[in-house]
Protein backbone atom coordinates (compact mmCIF):
# COMPACT_ATOMS: atom_id res chain seq x y z
CA MET A 1 5.79 -10.17 -3.99
CA LEU A 2 4.84 -7.36 -6.38
CA VAL A 3 3.53 -4.05 -5.10
CA SER A 4 1.61 -1.57 -7.24
CA LEU A 5 2.12 2.15 -6.76
CA VAL A 6 -0.75 4.38 -7.85
CA ILE A 7 -0.30 8.15 -8.04
CA GLY A 8 -3.55 10.09 -8.43
CA THR A 9 -3.89 13.30 -10.42
CA ALA A 10 -4.51 15.21 -7.17
CA GLY A 11 -1.23 13.92 -5.72
CA SER A 12 -2.56 11.00 -3.70
CA VAL A 13 -0.31 7.96 -3.44
CA ALA A 14 -1.51 4.40 -2.85
CA PHE A 15 0.26 1.06 -2.60
CA ALA A 16 -1.49 -2.24 -3.34
CA VAL A 17 -0.47 -5.89 -3.11
CA GLY A 18 -2.42 -8.49 -5.04
CA GLN A 19 -0.47 -11.59 -3.98
CA GLY A 20 -0.49 -13.76 -0.89
CA ASP A 21 -3.03 -13.62 1.89
CA PHE A 22 -3.97 -10.44 3.75
CA GLU A 23 -1.42 -10.95 6.52
CA GLN A 24 1.43 -11.39 4.02
CA ALA A 25 0.31 -8.42 1.92
CA SER A 26 -0.16 -6.23 4.99
CA ALA A 27 3.35 -7.10 6.21
CA ALA A 28 4.77 -6.25 2.77
CA LEU A 29 3.06 -2.83 2.79
CA GLN A 30 4.37 -2.07 6.27
CA GLN A 31 7.89 -3.11 5.20
CA ILE A 32 7.74 -0.84 2.14
CA ALA A 33 6.60 2.12 4.24
CA ARG A 34 9.47 1.55 6.71
CA GLU A 35 12.04 1.20 3.90
CA LEU A 36 10.86 4.38 2.19
CA GLN A 37 10.91 6.33 5.45
CA MET A 38 14.46 5.09 6.18
CA ARG A 39 15.43 6.45 2.76
CA GLY A 40 14.01 9.89 3.52
CA VAL A 41 10.50 9.63 2.06
CA ASN A 42 8.27 11.16 4.73
CA PHE A 43 4.49 10.70 4.79
CA GLU A 44 2.03 13.22 6.22
CA SER A 45 -0.30 10.35 6.96
CA MET A 46 -0.80 6.67 6.28
CA GLY A 47 -4.24 5.15 6.11
CA ASP A 48 -5.18 1.81 7.60
CA ILE A 49 -4.26 -1.20 5.50
CA GLU A 50 -7.49 -2.54 4.07
CA LYS A 51 -8.74 -5.63 2.27
CA HIS A 52 -10.30 -5.15 -1.13
CA ARG A 53 -11.88 -7.72 -3.44
CA HIS A 54 -14.29 -7.72 -6.35
CA ASP A 55 -16.44 -10.78 -7.06
CA HIS A 56 -14.43 -13.54 -8.74
CA GLU A 57 -11.11 -11.78 -8.05
CA HIS A 58 -8.41 -12.48 -5.52
CA GLU A 59 -8.13 -10.34 -2.43
CA THR A 60 -5.78 -7.37 -2.37
CA ALA A 61 -4.42 -5.27 0.46
CA HIS A 62 -3.92 -1.54 0.03
CA THR A 63 -3.18 1.67 1.85
CA THR A 64 -3.09 5.34 0.93
CA VAL A 65 -0.33 7.67 2.11
CA GLY A 66 0.10 11.42 2.11
CA GLN A 67 3.61 12.47 1.13
CA THR A 68 5.39 15.54 2.52
């Protein structure tokens, strides 16, 4: 499963998964967050994992984190 990492110009960080169903994508995002935290990447906050879909596109799951 591929995960996209988006870093905004203001320093925001977001992860998105565009494969699988929402439950699979949500589990992948949670796993990535745990793995990063075990490797010393600490987040100030982590938003709820959300569904996102445009018309005629597949569903994606994404979350935004604040890094410390």
